[in-house]
Amino acid sequence: MAGIKTHLAMAGTDLSDYDIRMTRDRIKLIIGENISFPVGKAELLDHIKGPLAKIGEALSGEQGFRIVVAGHTDTTPINTPRFPSNWELSLARALGVAKFLMARNVNPARISVEGFGPYQPVASNTDPDSRRANRRVEISLIQDDSI
């Protein structure tokens, strides 16, 4: 049921830089940077907030899933006072999504946050398209009947 609600929340928008994958024990929503964050920043863009709010509402009533929010970046170096590296940026983005979900009544005891920086790429980082694919946030719903 959670996978269907997640898909409906995203499909009801004009956003296209996302993917939903399902395995035996996990549903994963992969959100690309260009629909979720300004480049080099961790503040959510306005147009992703509506779908994320719907997902948060659906998850707040859904039991039996742990929620893992993971941030990823490309290999382009960043060094700002707030984000000395991509690792800090990826973690801040994941935390921002997690806090947004918690503000929609998702139980914080069900949420964990991970920041991987550039260390789990899904593409080569050799051209703009592959770097764009690596800049993402993943929200995984993991079956856990103890919750």
N, C-alpha and C. Protein backbone atom coordinates (compact mmCIF):
# COMPACT_ATOMS: atom_id res chain seq x y z
N MET A 1 0.81 -1.19 0.00
CA MET A 1 0.00 0.00 0.00
C MET A 1 0.86 1.26 0.00
N ALA A 2 1.95 1.26 0.76
CA ALA A 2 2.82 2.44 0.82
C ALA A 2 3.42 2.75 -0.54
N GLY A 3 3.78 1.73 -1.30
CA GLY A 3 4.35 1.95 -2.63
C GLY A 3 3.36 2.60 -3.57
N ILE A 4 2.10 2.19 -3.50
CA ILE A 4 1.06 2.78 -4.34
C ILE A 4 0.85 4.24 -3.96
N LYS A 5 0.77 4.53 -2.67
CA LYS A 5 0.58 5.91 -2.22
C LYS A 5 1.75 6.79 -2.62
N THR A 6 2.96 6.27 -2.53
CA THR A 6 4.15 7.02 -2.93
C THR A 6 4.10 7.31 -4.42
N HIS A 7 3.76 6.31 -5.20
CA HIS A 7 3.67 6.50 -6.65
C HIS A 7 2.60 7.53 -7.00
N LEU A 8 1.45 7.46 -6.36
CA LEU A 8 0.38 8.41 -6.64
C LEU A 8 0.78 9.83 -6.26
N ALA A 9 1.50 9.99 -5.16
CA ALA A 9 1.93 11.32 -4.74
C ALA A 9 2.86 11.95 -5.77
N MET A 10 3.74 11.16 -6.35
CA MET A 10 4.67 11.69 -7.35
C MET A 10 4.03 11.78 -8.73
N ALA A 11 3.21 10.80 -9.10
CA ALA A 11 2.61 10.78 -10.43
C ALA A 11 1.61 11.93 -10.61
N GLY A 12 1.07 12.43 -9.52
CA GLY A 12 0.10 13.52 -9.61
C GLY A 12 0.74 14.87 -9.83
N THR A 13 2.02 14.92 -10.16
CA THR A 13 2.74 16.18 -10.37
C THR A 13 3.26 16.23 -11.80
N ASP A 14 3.85 17.34 -12.16
CA ASP A 14 4.51 17.44 -13.46
C ASP A 14 6.02 17.20 -13.32
N LEU A 15 6.43 16.64 -12.18
CA LEU A 15 7.84 16.35 -11.94
C LEU A 15 8.20 15.03 -12.60
N SER A 16 9.40 14.97 -13.19
CA SER A 16 9.78 13.75 -13.88
C SER A 16 11.10 13.14 -13.40
N ASP A 17 11.87 13.84 -12.61
CA ASP A 17 13.18 13.34 -12.20
C ASP A 17 13.07 12.50 -10.92
N TYR A 18 12.34 11.40 -11.03
CA TYR A 18 12.22 10.48 -9.91
C TYR A 18 12.01 9.07 -10.44
N ASP A 19 12.22 8.11 -9.57
CA ASP A 19 12.02 6.71 -9.92
C ASP A 19 11.55 6.00 -8.66
N ILE A 20 10.74 4.99 -8.83
CA ILE A 20 10.29 4.15 -7.71
C ILE A 20 10.69 2.72 -8.04
N ARG A 21 11.39 2.11 -7.11
CA ARG A 21 11.82 0.71 -7.30
C ARG A 21 11.32 -0.12 -6.13
N MET A 22 10.90 -1.32 -6.42
CA MET A 22 10.41 -2.22 -5.38
C MET A 22 11.19 -3.53 -5.43
N THR A 23 11.54 -4.01 -4.24
CA THR A 23 12.14 -5.33 -4.10
C THR A 23 11.29 -6.11 -3.11
N ARG A 24 11.76 -7.27 -2.75
CA ARG A 24 11.01 -8.13 -1.84
C ARG A 24 10.68 -7.45 -0.52
N ASP A 25 11.62 -6.68 0.04
CA ASP A 25 11.41 -6.11 1.37
C ASP A 25 11.53 -4.59 1.41
N ARG A 26 11.59 -3.94 0.24
CA ARG A 26 11.89 -2.51 0.23
C ARG A 26 11.19 -1.81 -0.93
N ILE A 27 10.73 -0.60 -0.64
CA ILE A 27 10.24 0.32 -1.66
C ILE A 27 11.16 1.52 -1.61
N LYS A 28 11.70 1.92 -2.76
CA LYS A 28 12.65 3.03 -2.77
C LYS A 28 12.18 4.11 -3.75
N LEU A 29 12.03 5.32 -3.22
CA LEU A 29 11.74 6.49 -4.04
C LEU A 29 13.05 7.23 -4.23
N ILE A 30 13.46 7.42 -5.47
CA ILE A 30 14.70 8.10 -5.80
C ILE A 30 14.33 9.45 -6.41
N ILE A 31 14.75 10.52 -5.73
CA ILE A 31 14.40 11.88 -6.16
C ILE A 31 15.67 12.58 -6.63
N GLY A 32 15.65 13.04 -7.87
CA GLY A 32 16.81 13.74 -8.44
C GLY A 32 16.96 15.14 -7.88
N GLU A 33 18.19 15.63 -7.89
CA GLU A 33 18.49 16.95 -7.34
C GLU A 33 17.72 18.06 -8.02
N ASN A 34 17.55 17.98 -9.34
CA ASN A 34 16.96 19.13 -10.03
C ASN A 34 15.50 19.37 -9.67
N ILE A 35 14.83 18.41 -9.04
CA ILE A 35 13.46 18.67 -8.56
C ILE A 35 13.40 18.82 -7.05
N SER A 36 14.52 18.67 -6.38
CA SER A 36 14.45 18.68 -4.92
C SER A 36 15.29 19.76 -4.23
N PHE A 37 16.45 20.13 -4.78
CA PHE A 37 17.34 21.09 -4.12
C PHE A 37 18.02 21.99 -5.14
N PRO A 38 18.32 23.23 -4.75
CA PRO A 38 19.20 24.04 -5.60
C PRO A 38 20.60 23.44 -5.57
N VAL A 39 21.36 23.62 -6.62
CA VAL A 39 22.72 23.07 -6.69
C VAL A 39 23.54 23.60 -5.51
N GLY A 40 24.20 22.68 -4.81
CA GLY A 40 25.08 23.05 -3.70
C GLY A 40 24.38 23.49 -2.43
N LYS A 41 23.07 23.28 -2.35
CA LYS A 41 22.30 23.71 -1.18
C LYS A 41 21.48 22.55 -0.62
N ALA A 42 20.94 22.73 0.59
CA ALA A 42 20.17 21.67 1.23
C ALA A 42 18.74 22.08 1.53
N GLU A 43 18.29 23.24 1.04
CA GLU A 43 16.91 23.67 1.27
C GLU A 43 16.02 23.09 0.17
N LEU A 44 14.92 22.47 0.58
CA LEU A 44 14.01 21.87 -0.40
C LEU A 44 13.41 22.92 -1.32
N LEU A 45 13.32 22.58 -2.60
CA LEU A 45 12.63 23.44 -3.56
C LEU A 45 11.13 23.37 -3.31
N ASP A 46 10.43 24.46 -3.57
CA ASP A 46 9.00 24.52 -3.30
C ASP A 46 8.19 23.44 -4.03
N HIS A 47 8.53 23.15 -5.28
CA HIS A 47 7.69 22.22 -6.03
C HIS A 47 7.80 20.76 -5.59
N ILE A 48 8.77 20.39 -4.76
CA ILE A 48 8.83 19.02 -4.23
C ILE A 48 8.08 18.91 -2.91
N LYS A 49 7.79 20.03 -2.29
CA LYS A 49 7.15 19.99 -0.97
C LYS A 49 5.75 19.39 -1.01
N GLY A 50 4.98 19.68 -2.04
CA GLY A 50 3.62 19.12 -2.15
C GLY A 50 3.64 17.60 -2.22
N PRO A 51 4.39 17.01 -3.17
CA PRO A 51 4.47 15.55 -3.21
C PRO A 51 5.05 14.94 -1.93
N LEU A 52 6.08 15.58 -1.35
CA LEU A 52 6.64 15.05 -0.10
C LEU A 52 5.64 15.12 1.04
N ALA A 53 4.82 16.17 1.07
CA ALA A 53 3.78 16.27 2.10
C ALA A 53 2.79 15.13 1.96
N LYS A 54 2.39 14.81 0.73
CA LYS A 54 1.47 13.68 0.51
C LYS A 54 2.11 12.36 0.94
N ILE A 55 3.38 12.21 0.63
CA ILE A 55 4.09 10.99 1.04
C ILE A 55 4.16 10.93 2.56
N GLY A 56 4.47 12.06 3.20
CA GLY A 56 4.51 12.09 4.66
C GLY A 56 3.17 11.73 5.28
N GLU A 57 2.09 12.27 4.73
CA GLU A 57 0.75 11.94 5.23
C GLU A 57 0.47 10.46 5.09
N ALA A 58 0.83 9.89 3.95
CA ALA A 58 0.62 8.46 3.73
C ALA A 58 1.45 7.62 4.70
N LEU A 59 2.70 8.03 4.91
CA LEU A 59 3.59 7.26 5.79
C LEU A 59 3.22 7.39 7.25
N SER A 60 2.61 8.50 7.64
CA SER A 60 2.26 8.69 9.05
C SER A 60 1.24 7.66 9.50
N GLY A 61 0.41 7.18 8.59
CA GLY A 61 -0.59 6.19 8.96
C GLY A 61 -0.20 4.77 8.59
N GLU A 62 0.92 4.62 7.94
CA GLU A 62 1.37 3.31 7.46
C GLU A 62 2.31 2.69 8.49
N GLN A 63 1.99 1.53 8.96
CA GLN A 63 2.83 0.84 9.94
C GLN A 63 3.60 -0.28 9.24
N GLY A 64 4.59 -0.82 9.91
CA GLY A 64 5.33 -1.96 9.40
C GLY A 64 6.49 -1.61 8.50
N PHE A 65 6.88 -0.33 8.44
CA PHE A 65 8.01 0.09 7.62
C PHE A 65 8.93 1.00 8.40
N ARG A 66 10.24 0.74 8.29
CA ARG A 66 11.24 1.71 8.71
C ARG A 66 11.49 2.60 7.51
N ILE A 67 11.86 3.84 7.75
CA ILE A 67 12.09 4.80 6.69
C ILE A 67 13.54 5.25 6.76
N VAL A 68 14.28 5.03 5.68
CA VAL A 68 15.68 5.45 5.61
C VAL A 68 15.79 6.50 4.51
N VAL A 69 16.28 7.68 4.89
CA VAL A 69 16.47 8.77 3.93
C VAL A 69 17.98 8.89 3.70
N ALA A 70 18.41 8.71 2.45
CA ALA A 70 19.84 8.72 2.13
C ALA A 70 20.14 9.81 1.10
N GLY A 71 21.14 10.63 1.39
CA GLY A 71 21.58 11.67 0.46
C GLY A 71 22.82 11.23 -0.29
N HIS A 72 22.90 11.63 -1.57
CA HIS A 72 24.03 11.29 -2.43
C HIS A 72 24.42 12.52 -3.24
N THR A 73 25.68 12.63 -3.60
CA THR A 73 26.16 13.73 -4.44
C THR A 73 27.00 13.16 -5.58
N ASP A 74 27.44 14.04 -6.47
CA ASP A 74 28.41 13.65 -7.48
C ASP A 74 29.81 13.89 -6.90
N THR A 75 30.81 13.81 -7.75
CA THR A 75 32.20 13.96 -7.27
C THR A 75 32.73 15.39 -7.42
N THR A 76 31.91 16.32 -7.91
CA THR A 76 32.35 17.70 -8.02
C THR A 76 32.61 18.25 -6.62
N PRO A 77 33.82 18.71 -6.34
CA PRO A 77 34.13 19.18 -4.98
C PRO A 77 33.28 20.37 -4.57
N ILE A 78 32.93 20.39 -3.29
CA ILE A 78 32.28 21.55 -2.69
C ILE A 78 33.08 21.88 -1.43
N ASN A 79 33.22 23.17 -1.16
CA ASN A 79 33.93 23.59 0.05
C ASN A 79 33.39 24.97 0.42
N THR A 80 32.31 24.97 1.19
CA THR A 80 31.70 26.21 1.65
C THR A 80 31.74 26.19 3.18
N PRO A 81 31.50 27.32 3.82
CA PRO A 81 31.48 27.31 5.29
C PRO A 81 30.45 26.31 5.85
N ARG A 82 29.31 26.19 5.19
CA ARG A 82 28.28 25.27 5.67
C ARG A 82 28.56 23.82 5.27
N PHE A 83 29.10 23.62 4.07
CA PHE A 83 29.35 22.28 3.55
C PHE A 83 30.82 22.15 3.12
N PRO A 84 31.69 21.75 4.06
CA PRO A 84 33.11 21.61 3.71
C PRO A 84 33.37 20.49 2.70
N SER A 85 32.39 19.57 2.53
CA SER A 85 32.56 18.49 1.57
C SER A 85 31.19 17.99 1.11
N ASN A 86 31.21 17.16 0.09
CA ASN A 86 29.97 16.56 -0.41
C ASN A 86 29.31 15.67 0.64
N TRP A 87 30.11 15.13 1.52
CA TRP A 87 29.56 14.27 2.55
C TRP A 87 28.60 15.05 3.45
N GLU A 88 29.01 16.25 3.88
CA GLU A 88 28.14 17.09 4.72
C GLU A 88 26.90 17.54 3.95
N LEU A 89 27.06 17.87 2.66
CA LEU A 89 25.92 18.28 1.85
C LEU A 89 24.91 17.14 1.73
N SER A 90 25.38 15.94 1.45
CA SER A 90 24.45 14.81 1.29
C SER A 90 23.71 14.52 2.59
N LEU A 91 24.39 14.62 3.71
CA LEU A 91 23.75 14.37 5.00
C LEU A 91 22.73 15.46 5.33
N ALA A 92 23.07 16.72 5.04
CA ALA A 92 22.14 17.82 5.30
C ALA A 92 20.88 17.69 4.45
N ARG A 93 21.02 17.26 3.21
CA ARG A 93 19.85 17.06 2.35
C ARG A 93 18.97 15.94 2.88
N ALA A 94 19.57 14.84 3.27
CA ALA A 94 18.79 13.74 3.83
C ALA A 94 18.08 14.16 5.11
N LEU A 95 18.78 14.88 5.95
CA LEU A 95 18.18 15.36 7.20
C LEU A 95 17.03 16.32 6.92
N GLY A 96 17.19 17.18 5.91
CA GLY A 96 16.12 18.11 5.55
C GLY A 96 14.86 17.38 5.12
N VAL A 97 15.01 16.32 4.33
CA VAL A 97 13.85 15.52 3.91
C VAL A 97 13.23 14.82 5.11
N ALA A 98 14.07 14.25 5.97
CA ALA A 98 13.56 13.56 7.16
C ALA A 98 12.79 14.52 8.06
N LYS A 99 13.32 15.70 8.30
CA LYS A 99 12.61 16.69 9.13
C LYS A 99 11.29 17.11 8.49
N PHE A 100 11.27 17.24 7.18
CA PHE A 100 10.04 17.59 6.48
C PHE A 100 9.00 16.50 6.69
N LEU A 101 9.40 15.23 6.60
CA LEU A 101 8.46 14.12 6.83
C LEU A 101 7.99 14.10 8.28
N MET A 102 8.89 14.35 9.22
CA MET A 102 8.50 14.36 10.63
C MET A 102 7.51 15.49 10.91
N ALA A 103 7.64 16.60 10.22
CA ALA A 103 6.69 17.70 10.39
C ALA A 103 5.31 17.33 9.86
N ARG A 104 5.23 16.25 9.08
CA ARG A 104 3.95 15.73 8.58
C ARG A 104 3.51 14.52 9.39
N ASN A 105 3.93 14.47 10.64
CA ASN A 105 3.50 13.45 11.61
C ASN A 105 4.05 12.05 11.36
N VAL A 106 5.16 11.94 10.62
CA VAL A 106 5.82 10.65 10.52
C VAL A 106 6.63 10.47 11.80
N ASN A 107 6.45 9.36 12.46
CA ASN A 107 7.10 9.07 13.74
C ASN A 107 8.63 9.08 13.58
N PRO A 108 9.34 9.98 14.29
CA PRO A 108 10.79 10.04 14.15
C PRO A 108 11.50 8.74 14.56
N ALA A 109 10.87 7.92 15.37
CA ALA A 109 11.47 6.65 15.77
C ALA A 109 11.57 5.68 14.59
N ARG A 110 10.83 5.95 13.52
CA ARG A 110 10.85 5.09 12.33
C ARG A 110 11.85 5.56 11.29
N ILE A 111 12.42 6.77 11.48
CA ILE A 111 13.26 7.37 10.44
C ILE A 111 14.74 7.33 10.82
N SER A 112 15.57 6.98 9.86
CA SER A 112 17.01 7.15 10.02
C SER A 112 17.53 7.90 8.79
N VAL A 113 18.69 8.52 8.95
CA VAL A 113 19.26 9.38 7.92
C VAL A 113 20.68 8.91 7.60
N GLU A 114 21.01 8.90 6.31
CA GLU A 114 22.34 8.51 5.86
C GLU A 114 22.86 9.54 4.85
N GLY A 115 24.13 9.82 4.92
CA GLY A 115 24.76 10.70 3.93
C GLY A 115 25.94 9.97 3.32
N PHE A 116 25.91 9.77 2.02
CA PHE A 116 26.95 9.00 1.35
C PHE A 116 27.89 9.86 0.50
N GLY A 117 27.59 11.16 0.39
CA GLY A 117 28.43 11.99 -0.46
C GLY A 117 28.54 11.37 -1.84
N PRO A 118 29.75 11.34 -2.42
CA PRO A 118 29.92 10.79 -3.76
C PRO A 118 30.26 9.29 -3.77
N TYR A 119 30.15 8.62 -2.63
CA TYR A 119 30.72 7.28 -2.48
C TYR A 119 29.82 6.11 -2.90
N GLN A 120 28.59 6.38 -3.34
CA GLN A 120 27.73 5.32 -3.88
C GLN A 120 27.12 5.79 -5.19
N PRO A 121 27.95 6.04 -6.20
CA PRO A 121 27.42 6.55 -7.47
C PRO A 121 26.61 5.49 -8.20
N VAL A 122 25.65 5.98 -8.99
CA VAL A 122 24.87 5.10 -9.87
C VAL A 122 25.30 5.31 -11.32
N ALA A 123 26.17 6.29 -11.55
CA ALA A 123 26.68 6.59 -12.89
C ALA A 123 28.14 7.02 -12.76
N SER A 124 28.80 7.24 -13.88
CA SER A 124 30.25 7.38 -13.93
C SER A 124 30.84 8.69 -13.42
N ASN A 125 30.07 9.77 -13.33
CA ASN A 125 30.57 11.09 -12.95
C ASN A 125 31.50 11.69 -14.01
N THR A 126 31.46 11.19 -15.25
CA THR A 126 32.36 11.68 -16.29
C THR A 126 31.73 12.73 -17.20
N ASP A 127 30.42 12.96 -17.06
CA ASP A 127 29.74 13.95 -17.90
C ASP A 127 28.57 14.54 -17.11
N PRO A 128 27.99 15.64 -17.58
CA PRO A 128 26.91 16.28 -16.82
C PRO A 128 25.72 15.36 -16.51
N ASP A 129 25.32 14.51 -17.46
CA ASP A 129 24.17 13.63 -17.22
C ASP A 129 24.46 12.59 -16.13
N SER A 130 25.65 12.02 -16.13
CA SER A 130 25.96 11.02 -15.10
C SER A 130 26.13 11.68 -13.73
N ARG A 131 26.70 12.88 -13.71
CA ARG A 131 26.81 13.59 -12.42
C ARG A 131 25.42 13.93 -11.90
N ARG A 132 24.52 14.34 -12.78
CA ARG A 132 23.15 14.66 -12.38
C ARG A 132 22.47 13.41 -11.78
N ALA A 133 22.69 12.26 -12.36
CA ALA A 133 22.09 11.02 -11.85
C ALA A 133 22.59 10.69 -10.45
N ASN A 134 23.82 11.07 -10.15
CA ASN A 134 24.39 10.76 -8.83
C ASN A 134 23.90 11.70 -7.74
N ARG A 135 23.41 12.88 -8.11
CA ARG A 135 22.90 13.84 -7.12
C ARG A 135 21.43 13.51 -6.86
N ARG A 136 21.17 12.85 -5.72
CA ARG A 136 19.83 12.36 -5.45
C ARG A 136 19.61 12.14 -3.97
N VAL A 137 18.35 12.01 -3.61
CA VAL A 137 17.95 11.57 -2.27
C VAL A 137 17.08 10.35 -2.47
N GLU A 138 17.33 9.34 -1.67
CA GLU A 138 16.54 8.11 -1.73
C GLU A 138 15.77 7.94 -0.43
N ILE A 139 14.48 7.69 -0.55
CA ILE A 139 13.64 7.40 0.61
C ILE A 139 13.25 5.93 0.49
N SER A 140 13.79 5.12 1.40
CA SER A 140 13.51 3.69 1.38
C SER A 140 12.54 3.32 2.49
N LEU A 141 11.53 2.56 2.14
CA LEU A 141 10.61 1.98 3.10
C LEU A 141 10.98 0.51 3.21
N ILE A 142 11.41 0.12 4.40
CA ILE A 142 11.90 -1.23 4.62
C ILE A 142 10.94 -1.96 5.54
N GLN A 143 10.47 -3.10 5.04
CA GLN A 143 9.52 -3.90 5.80
C GLN A 143 10.09 -4.24 7.18
N ASP A 144 9.33 -3.91 8.23
CA ASP A 144 9.74 -4.20 9.60
C ASP A 144 8.48 -4.30 10.44
N ASP A 145 8.03 -5.51 10.67
CA ASP A 145 6.77 -5.72 11.37
C ASP A 145 6.84 -5.37 12.85
N SER A 146 8.04 -5.09 13.37
CA SER A 146 8.14 -4.72 14.79
C SER A 146 7.77 -3.27 15.03
N ILE A 147 7.57 -2.51 13.95
CA ILE A 147 7.25 -1.08 14.08
C ILE A 147 5.76 -0.88 13.94
